[in-house]
Amino acid sequence: MDGQRGNLNMKNNADKRAVVKFLSKKKVEKRIWGEEILLALIPKVLSLKILKMKKGSKGNLQYHHKKNECGYILSGKLKFTYQVKTGTLRSKILSKGDCFHIPPGAIHQEHAVTACQIIEASTPHFNDRVRVEKVFNLPELKGLKSTKKNEVILK
């Protein structure tokens, strides 16, 4: 197959065709809960990451103004805390093969029961977070600060 050309009458439009790109992974910012590796960034469309969470670590209780994300558990057990329609918080244990979707505005927190690896696909809003520990009378964890909606950057 290497080096073969198709006969799709596209030879004249070669300069207008999209081409496949092979990407290099990059570490994002340092995280207190582990490591965040950017696998792909399609500007203004999608970011694809691997999150490596250390056993016992957790992210902040938060929501996003604009970020729309989903995840797939590659390995480990994750305690996923989320707000239900009544306003209360619930938790669910997720493990290898489980998926989740976090739409903008949904309050959530991830807590690694064991070391975890998660694939995250989301809109590329890299600084979009509103911390809400105080709203639920929970101790505020260390970590990244909240951002205002007008501060959110779409990469």
N, C-alpha and C. Protein backbone atom coordinates (compact mmCIF):
# COMPACT_ATOMS: atom_id res chain seq x y z
N MET A 1 0.81 -1.18 0.00
CA MET A 1 0.00 0.00 0.00
C MET A 1 0.86 1.26 0.00
N ASP A 2 2.05 1.22 0.63
CA ASP A 2 2.91 2.40 0.67
C ASP A 2 3.27 2.84 -0.74
N GLY A 3 3.16 4.13 -0.98
CA GLY A 3 3.56 4.70 -2.26
C GLY A 3 2.52 4.58 -3.35
N GLN A 4 1.41 3.88 -3.10
CA GLN A 4 0.39 3.76 -4.14
C GLN A 4 -0.43 5.02 -4.23
N ARG A 5 -0.86 5.35 -5.41
CA ARG A 5 -1.71 6.51 -5.64
C ARG A 5 -3.09 6.04 -6.06
N GLY A 6 -4.08 6.71 -5.53
CA GLY A 6 -5.44 6.42 -5.96
C GLY A 6 -5.75 7.19 -7.23
N ASN A 7 -6.75 6.75 -7.94
CA ASN A 7 -7.16 7.42 -9.17
C ASN A 7 -8.52 8.06 -8.93
N LEU A 8 -8.57 9.05 -8.03
CA LEU A 8 -9.83 9.68 -7.66
C LEU A 8 -9.98 11.07 -8.25
N ASN A 9 -9.23 11.37 -9.28
CA ASN A 9 -9.29 12.67 -9.93
C ASN A 9 -9.05 13.80 -8.92
N MET A 10 -8.19 13.54 -7.95
CA MET A 10 -7.88 14.54 -6.94
C MET A 10 -6.48 15.10 -7.13
N LYS A 11 -5.78 14.64 -8.14
CA LYS A 11 -4.41 15.09 -8.36
C LYS A 11 -4.33 16.59 -8.55
N ASN A 12 -5.29 17.18 -9.20
CA ASN A 12 -5.27 18.62 -9.47
C ASN A 12 -5.59 19.43 -8.22
N ASN A 13 -6.19 18.80 -7.23
CA ASN A 13 -6.57 19.52 -6.01
C ASN A 13 -5.68 19.14 -4.82
N ALA A 14 -4.51 18.61 -5.07
CA ALA A 14 -3.64 18.13 -4.00
C ALA A 14 -3.31 19.21 -2.99
N ASP A 15 -3.16 20.44 -3.43
CA ASP A 15 -2.80 21.52 -2.49
C ASP A 15 -3.98 21.92 -1.61
N LYS A 16 -5.20 21.49 -1.93
CA LYS A 16 -6.38 21.85 -1.15
C LYS A 16 -6.83 20.75 -0.21
N ARG A 17 -6.26 19.56 -0.35
CA ARG A 17 -6.66 18.42 0.46
C ARG A 17 -6.11 18.50 1.87
N ALA A 18 -6.89 17.99 2.81
CA ALA A 18 -6.40 17.85 4.19
C ALA A 18 -5.40 16.70 4.23
N VAL A 19 -4.45 16.79 5.14
CA VAL A 19 -3.46 15.72 5.28
C VAL A 19 -3.47 15.20 6.72
N VAL A 20 -3.12 13.96 6.86
CA VAL A 20 -3.02 13.33 8.17
C VAL A 20 -1.81 13.90 8.90
N LYS A 21 -1.97 14.11 10.21
CA LYS A 21 -0.87 14.59 11.04
C LYS A 21 -0.59 13.56 12.12
N PHE A 22 0.67 13.36 12.43
CA PHE A 22 1.07 12.50 13.53
C PHE A 22 1.61 13.41 14.63
N LEU A 23 1.05 13.27 15.82
CA LEU A 23 1.28 14.23 16.88
C LEU A 23 2.24 13.70 17.94
N SER A 24 2.83 14.62 18.67
CA SER A 24 3.69 14.27 19.81
C SER A 24 2.98 14.65 21.09
N LYS A 25 3.06 13.77 22.08
CA LYS A 25 2.42 14.09 23.35
C LYS A 25 3.25 15.12 24.12
N LYS A 26 2.54 15.91 24.95
CA LYS A 26 3.19 16.95 25.74
C LYS A 26 2.62 16.94 27.14
N LYS A 27 3.48 17.17 28.12
CA LYS A 27 2.98 17.34 29.49
C LYS A 27 2.33 18.71 29.58
N VAL A 28 1.20 18.77 30.29
CA VAL A 28 0.51 20.04 30.49
C VAL A 28 1.10 20.64 31.77
N GLU A 29 0.32 21.27 32.59
CA GLU A 29 0.81 21.84 33.84
C GLU A 29 1.00 20.75 34.89
N LYS A 30 1.84 21.03 35.88
CA LYS A 30 2.01 20.11 37.00
C LYS A 30 0.70 20.06 37.79
N ARG A 31 0.31 18.89 38.21
CA ARG A 31 -0.92 18.70 38.96
C ARG A 31 -0.59 18.02 40.29
N ILE A 32 -1.27 18.44 41.36
CA ILE A 32 -1.01 17.85 42.67
C ILE A 32 -1.50 16.41 42.73
N TRP A 33 -2.44 16.05 41.87
CA TRP A 33 -3.01 14.71 41.89
C TRP A 33 -2.27 13.72 40.98
N GLY A 34 -1.31 14.22 40.18
CA GLY A 34 -0.59 13.31 39.29
C GLY A 34 -0.07 14.02 38.06
N GLU A 35 -0.39 13.47 36.90
CA GLU A 35 0.18 13.95 35.64
C GLU A 35 -0.91 14.08 34.58
N GLU A 36 -0.81 15.14 33.79
CA GLU A 36 -1.75 15.38 32.69
C GLU A 36 -0.92 15.46 31.41
N ILE A 37 -1.21 14.57 30.47
CA ILE A 37 -0.45 14.51 29.22
C ILE A 37 -1.38 14.81 28.05
N LEU A 38 -1.03 15.84 27.29
CA LEU A 38 -1.81 16.22 26.12
C LEU A 38 -1.38 15.33 24.95
N LEU A 39 -2.31 14.54 24.44
CA LEU A 39 -2.03 13.66 23.31
C LEU A 39 -2.30 14.36 21.98
N ALA A 40 -3.37 15.16 21.95
CA ALA A 40 -3.74 15.84 20.71
C ALA A 40 -4.51 17.11 21.03
N LEU A 41 -4.27 18.12 20.23
CA LEU A 41 -5.03 19.36 20.30
C LEU A 41 -5.45 19.72 18.88
N ILE A 42 -6.75 19.72 18.65
CA ILE A 42 -7.30 20.20 17.39
C ILE A 42 -7.85 21.58 17.73
N PRO A 43 -7.15 22.65 17.32
CA PRO A 43 -7.50 23.99 17.76
C PRO A 43 -8.99 24.32 17.64
N LYS A 44 -9.52 24.82 18.76
CA LYS A 44 -10.91 25.26 18.90
C LYS A 44 -11.93 24.15 18.72
N VAL A 45 -11.47 22.87 18.72
CA VAL A 45 -12.39 21.75 18.53
C VAL A 45 -12.28 20.73 19.67
N LEU A 46 -11.07 20.18 19.89
CA LEU A 46 -10.93 19.03 20.77
C LEU A 46 -9.55 18.96 21.39
N SER A 47 -9.50 18.53 22.64
CA SER A 47 -8.23 18.13 23.24
C SER A 47 -8.40 16.69 23.73
N LEU A 48 -7.33 15.92 23.60
CA LEU A 48 -7.32 14.53 24.02
C LEU A 48 -6.15 14.37 24.98
N LYS A 49 -6.43 13.86 26.19
CA LYS A 49 -5.40 13.76 27.22
C LYS A 49 -5.42 12.40 27.90
N ILE A 50 -4.31 12.07 28.52
CA ILE A 50 -4.27 10.98 29.50
C ILE A 50 -4.03 11.64 30.85
N LEU A 51 -4.87 11.29 31.81
CA LEU A 51 -4.70 11.76 33.19
C LEU A 51 -4.19 10.57 33.99
N LYS A 52 -3.08 10.77 34.69
CA LYS A 52 -2.52 9.73 35.55
C LYS A 52 -2.65 10.22 36.98
N MET A 53 -3.58 9.63 37.72
CA MET A 53 -3.83 10.05 39.10
C MET A 53 -3.17 9.10 40.08
N LYS A 54 -2.50 9.68 41.08
CA LYS A 54 -1.85 8.90 42.13
C LYS A 54 -2.91 8.36 43.10
N LYS A 55 -2.68 7.17 43.62
CA LYS A 55 -3.58 6.56 44.60
C LYS A 55 -3.84 7.54 45.74
N GLY A 56 -5.11 7.73 46.09
CA GLY A 56 -5.49 8.59 47.20
C GLY A 56 -5.61 10.06 46.85
N SER A 57 -5.19 10.45 45.66
CA SER A 57 -5.25 11.86 45.28
C SER A 57 -6.63 12.21 44.73
N LYS A 58 -6.95 13.50 44.75
CA LYS A 58 -8.22 13.94 44.18
C LYS A 58 -8.10 15.33 43.62
N GLY A 59 -8.96 15.58 42.67
CA GLY A 59 -9.06 16.92 42.10
C GLY A 59 -10.03 17.75 42.93
N ASN A 60 -10.21 18.98 42.51
CA ASN A 60 -11.12 19.88 43.22
C ASN A 60 -12.57 19.56 42.90
N LEU A 61 -13.46 19.89 43.83
CA LEU A 61 -14.89 19.88 43.53
C LEU A 61 -15.13 21.13 42.71
N GLN A 62 -15.63 20.97 41.50
CA GLN A 62 -15.66 22.09 40.55
C GLN A 62 -16.71 21.89 39.48
N TYR A 63 -16.91 22.94 38.69
CA TYR A 63 -17.65 22.84 37.44
C TYR A 63 -16.93 23.71 36.43
N HIS A 64 -17.32 23.58 35.17
CA HIS A 64 -16.71 24.36 34.10
C HIS A 64 -17.75 25.27 33.47
N HIS A 65 -17.32 26.50 33.12
CA HIS A 65 -18.20 27.43 32.41
C HIS A 65 -18.53 26.91 31.01
N LYS A 66 -17.49 26.52 30.28
CA LYS A 66 -17.63 26.18 28.86
C LYS A 66 -17.15 24.78 28.50
N LYS A 67 -16.20 24.26 29.25
CA LYS A 67 -15.59 22.97 28.91
C LYS A 67 -16.62 21.85 28.96
N ASN A 68 -16.63 21.04 27.91
CA ASN A 68 -17.49 19.88 27.80
C ASN A 68 -16.55 18.69 27.68
N GLU A 69 -16.63 17.76 28.61
CA GLU A 69 -15.63 16.69 28.61
C GLU A 69 -16.25 15.32 28.84
N CYS A 70 -15.52 14.32 28.41
CA CYS A 70 -15.89 12.94 28.70
C CYS A 70 -14.62 12.17 29.01
N GLY A 71 -14.79 11.06 29.68
CA GLY A 71 -13.63 10.28 30.07
C GLY A 71 -13.89 8.80 29.97
N TYR A 72 -12.79 8.05 29.87
CA TYR A 72 -12.81 6.59 29.80
C TYR A 72 -11.73 6.09 30.76
N ILE A 73 -12.10 5.21 31.66
CA ILE A 73 -11.15 4.68 32.64
C ILE A 73 -10.32 3.57 31.99
N LEU A 74 -9.03 3.83 31.83
CA LEU A 74 -8.12 2.82 31.28
C LEU A 74 -7.72 1.80 32.33
N SER A 75 -7.47 2.29 33.56
CA SER A 75 -7.06 1.39 34.64
C SER A 75 -7.35 2.05 35.98
N GLY A 76 -7.51 1.22 37.00
CA GLY A 76 -7.70 1.71 38.35
C GLY A 76 -9.15 1.85 38.74
N LYS A 77 -9.35 2.36 39.97
CA LYS A 77 -10.70 2.62 40.50
C LYS A 77 -10.77 4.09 40.87
N LEU A 78 -11.84 4.73 40.44
CA LEU A 78 -12.03 6.16 40.63
C LEU A 78 -13.35 6.40 41.35
N LYS A 79 -13.30 7.16 42.44
CA LYS A 79 -14.54 7.60 43.11
C LYS A 79 -14.94 8.90 42.43
N PHE A 80 -16.05 8.88 41.75
CA PHE A 80 -16.52 10.03 40.98
C PHE A 80 -17.69 10.65 41.74
N THR A 81 -17.48 11.88 42.23
CA THR A 81 -18.52 12.59 42.98
C THR A 81 -19.14 13.62 42.05
N TYR A 82 -20.48 13.73 42.11
CA TYR A 82 -21.20 14.62 41.21
C TYR A 82 -22.48 15.12 41.88
N GLN A 83 -22.96 16.25 41.41
CA GLN A 83 -24.19 16.83 41.95
C GLN A 83 -25.37 16.31 41.15
N VAL A 84 -26.41 15.86 41.86
CA VAL A 84 -27.64 15.41 41.21
C VAL A 84 -28.63 16.58 41.17
N LYS A 85 -29.76 16.38 40.49
CA LYS A 85 -30.74 17.46 40.28
C LYS A 85 -31.28 18.05 41.58
N THR A 86 -31.29 17.28 42.66
CA THR A 86 -31.79 17.80 43.94
C THR A 86 -30.80 18.75 44.60
N GLY A 87 -29.58 18.81 44.05
CA GLY A 87 -28.55 19.70 44.60
C GLY A 87 -27.58 19.00 45.53
N THR A 88 -27.85 17.75 45.87
CA THR A 88 -26.95 17.00 46.76
C THR A 88 -25.84 16.34 45.94
N LEU A 89 -24.79 15.96 46.67
CA LEU A 89 -23.67 15.27 46.04
C LEU A 89 -23.84 13.77 46.20
N ARG A 90 -23.50 13.03 45.16
CA ARG A 90 -23.48 11.57 45.18
C ARG A 90 -22.13 11.11 44.67
N SER A 91 -21.78 9.89 45.02
CA SER A 91 -20.52 9.30 44.53
C SER A 91 -20.80 7.95 43.90
N LYS A 92 -19.96 7.62 42.93
CA LYS A 92 -20.05 6.34 42.24
C LYS A 92 -18.62 5.86 41.99
N ILE A 93 -18.38 4.57 42.18
CA ILE A 93 -17.06 4.01 41.90
C ILE A 93 -17.03 3.59 40.43
N LEU A 94 -16.04 4.10 39.72
CA LEU A 94 -15.82 3.75 38.32
C LEU A 94 -14.55 2.92 38.23
N SER A 95 -14.51 2.00 37.28
CA SER A 95 -13.32 1.18 37.08
C SER A 95 -13.09 0.95 35.59
N LYS A 96 -12.05 0.22 35.29
CA LYS A 96 -11.62 -0.01 33.91
C LYS A 96 -12.81 -0.29 32.98
N GLY A 97 -12.87 0.50 31.88
CA GLY A 97 -13.93 0.34 30.90
C GLY A 97 -15.13 1.24 31.09
N ASP A 98 -15.22 1.92 32.24
CA ASP A 98 -16.35 2.83 32.48
C ASP A 98 -16.11 4.17 31.80
N CYS A 99 -17.20 4.81 31.38
CA CYS A 99 -17.16 6.11 30.71
C CYS A 99 -18.02 7.11 31.48
N PHE A 100 -17.71 8.39 31.32
CA PHE A 100 -18.53 9.44 31.91
C PHE A 100 -18.52 10.67 31.01
N HIS A 101 -19.55 11.51 31.16
CA HIS A 101 -19.67 12.78 30.43
C HIS A 101 -19.94 13.89 31.43
N ILE A 102 -19.19 14.97 31.33
CA ILE A 102 -19.36 16.13 32.21
C ILE A 102 -19.69 17.34 31.34
N PRO A 103 -20.97 17.68 31.22
CA PRO A 103 -21.33 18.87 30.43
C PRO A 103 -20.97 20.15 31.19
N PRO A 104 -20.87 21.27 30.50
CA PRO A 104 -20.62 22.55 31.20
C PRO A 104 -21.64 22.76 32.31
N GLY A 105 -21.16 23.23 33.46
CA GLY A 105 -22.04 23.52 34.60
C GLY A 105 -22.24 22.36 35.56
N ALA A 106 -21.81 21.15 35.22
CA ALA A 106 -22.00 19.98 36.09
C ALA A 106 -20.90 19.93 37.15
N ILE A 107 -21.30 19.92 38.40
CA ILE A 107 -20.35 19.86 39.52
C ILE A 107 -19.84 18.43 39.66
N HIS A 108 -18.51 18.31 39.81
CA HIS A 108 -17.89 16.98 39.85
C HIS A 108 -16.54 17.02 40.55
N GLN A 109 -16.10 15.83 40.94
CA GLN A 109 -14.78 15.65 41.54
C GLN A 109 -14.34 14.21 41.31
N GLU A 110 -13.05 14.04 41.04
CA GLU A 110 -12.48 12.72 40.83
C GLU A 110 -11.50 12.41 41.96
N HIS A 111 -11.63 11.22 42.53
CA HIS A 111 -10.79 10.79 43.64
C HIS A 111 -10.26 9.39 43.31
N ALA A 112 -8.95 9.26 43.19
CA ALA A 112 -8.33 7.98 42.83
C ALA A 112 -8.30 7.05 44.03
N VAL A 113 -9.13 6.01 44.02
CA VAL A 113 -9.13 5.00 45.07
C VAL A 113 -7.85 4.17 44.94
N THR A 114 -7.47 3.87 43.70
CA THR A 114 -6.19 3.25 43.37
C THR A 114 -5.53 4.17 42.34
N ALA A 115 -4.32 3.88 41.97
CA ALA A 115 -3.71 4.63 40.86
C ALA A 115 -4.61 4.45 39.64
N CYS A 116 -4.87 5.55 38.93
CA CYS A 116 -5.81 5.52 37.80
C CYS A 116 -5.17 6.14 36.56
N GLN A 117 -5.60 5.62 35.41
CA GLN A 117 -5.30 6.27 34.14
C GLN A 117 -6.63 6.49 33.42
N ILE A 118 -6.83 7.72 32.97
CA ILE A 118 -8.10 8.11 32.35
C ILE A 118 -7.80 8.79 31.03
N ILE A 119 -8.52 8.42 30.00
CA ILE A 119 -8.46 9.18 28.75
C ILE A 119 -9.55 10.23 28.84
N GLU A 120 -9.18 11.48 28.60
CA GLU A 120 -10.15 12.58 28.62
C GLU A 120 -10.19 13.23 27.24
N ALA A 121 -11.38 13.35 26.70
CA ALA A 121 -11.60 14.12 25.48
C ALA A 121 -12.50 15.28 25.85
N SER A 122 -12.12 16.48 25.42
CA SER A 122 -12.92 17.65 25.80
C SER A 122 -12.73 18.78 24.81
N THR A 123 -13.58 19.78 24.96
CA THR A 123 -13.33 21.02 24.26
C THR A 123 -12.03 21.59 24.83
N PRO A 124 -11.25 22.29 24.03
CA PRO A 124 -9.92 22.74 24.51
C PRO A 124 -9.97 24.04 25.31
N HIS A 125 -10.73 24.02 26.41
CA HIS A 125 -10.76 25.12 27.37
C HIS A 125 -9.85 24.71 28.52
N PHE A 126 -8.59 25.11 28.46
CA PHE A 126 -7.58 24.57 29.38
C PHE A 126 -7.61 25.21 30.77
N ASN A 127 -8.19 26.36 30.94
CA ASN A 127 -8.16 27.03 32.25
C ASN A 127 -9.55 27.23 32.83
N ASP A 128 -10.51 26.43 32.45
CA ASP A 128 -11.91 26.62 32.81
C ASP A 128 -12.27 25.81 34.05
N ARG A 129 -12.33 26.48 35.19
CA ARG A 129 -12.74 25.79 36.41
C ARG A 129 -13.33 26.79 37.39
N VAL A 130 -14.37 26.35 38.10
CA VAL A 130 -14.94 27.11 39.20
C VAL A 130 -15.00 26.16 40.39
N ARG A 131 -14.21 26.44 41.39
CA ARG A 131 -14.14 25.60 42.58
C ARG A 131 -15.32 25.87 43.49
N VAL A 132 -15.91 24.82 44.04
CA VAL A 132 -17.13 24.98 44.83
C VAL A 132 -17.09 24.25 46.18
N GLU A 133 -15.92 23.95 46.68
CA GLU A 133 -15.83 23.28 47.97
C GLU A 133 -16.56 24.07 49.06
N LYS A 134 -16.37 25.38 49.09
CA LYS A 134 -16.98 26.22 50.13
C LYS A 134 -18.50 26.17 50.08
N VAL A 135 -19.07 26.09 48.89
CA VAL A 135 -20.53 26.03 48.73
C VAL A 135 -21.10 24.81 49.45
N PHE A 136 -20.33 23.72 49.48
CA PHE A 136 -20.77 22.47 50.12
C PHE A 136 -20.15 22.27 51.50
N ASN A 137 -19.57 23.36 52.06
CA ASN A 137 -18.93 23.31 53.38
C ASN A 137 -17.87 22.22 53.48
N LEU A 138 -17.08 22.09 52.42
CA LEU A 138 -15.99 21.13 52.38
C LEU A 138 -14.66 21.88 52.47
N PRO A 139 -13.63 21.23 53.02
CA PRO A 139 -12.32 21.90 53.06
C PRO A 139 -11.81 22.16 51.64
N GLU A 140 -11.24 23.33 51.45
CA GLU A 140 -10.71 23.68 50.13
C GLU A 140 -9.34 23.04 49.95
N LEU A 141 -9.19 22.29 48.88
CA LEU A 141 -7.93 21.62 48.57
C LEU A 141 -6.96 22.58 47.91
N LYS A 142 -5.68 22.20 47.93
CA LYS A 142 -4.71 22.95 47.14
C LYS A 142 -5.01 22.69 45.67
N GLY A 143 -4.49 23.52 44.82
CA GLY A 143 -4.69 23.29 43.40
C GLY A 143 -4.93 24.58 42.65
N LEU A 144 -5.36 24.43 41.42
CA LEU A 144 -5.56 25.59 40.55
C LEU A 144 -6.75 26.41 41.00
N LYS A 145 -6.66 27.70 40.79
CA LYS A 145 -7.70 28.63 41.22
C LYS A 145 -8.85 28.67 40.22
N SER A 146 -9.98 29.18 40.69
CA SER A 146 -11.15 29.38 39.82
C SER A 146 -10.86 30.44 38.77
N THR A 147 -11.55 30.33 37.65
CA THR A 147 -11.46 31.36 36.61
C THR A 147 -12.86 31.90 36.35
N LYS A 148 -12.91 33.16 35.95
CA LYS A 148 -14.17 33.77 35.56
C LYS A 148 -14.46 33.40 34.10
N LYS A 149 -15.73 33.45 33.74
CA LYS A 149 -16.12 33.04 32.39
C LYS A 149 -15.36 33.81 31.32
N ASN A 150 -15.14 35.11 31.53
CA ASN A 150 -14.44 35.92 30.51
C ASN A 150 -12.94 35.68 30.50
N GLU A 151 -12.42 34.89 31.45
CA GLU A 151 -10.99 34.55 31.48
C GLU A 151 -10.70 33.22 30.80
N VAL A 152 -11.73 32.47 30.46
CA VAL A 152 -11.55 31.13 29.88
C VAL A 152 -10.95 31.27 28.47
N ILE A 153 -9.89 30.48 28.24
CA ILE A 153 -9.18 30.52 26.96
C ILE A 153 -9.50 29.26 26.16
N LEU A 154 -9.92 29.46 24.92
CA LEU A 154 -10.13 28.37 23.99
C LEU A 154 -8.90 28.28 23.11
N LYS A 155 -8.19 27.16 23.21
CA LYS A 155 -6.95 27.01 22.44
C LYS A 155 -7.25 26.42 21.08
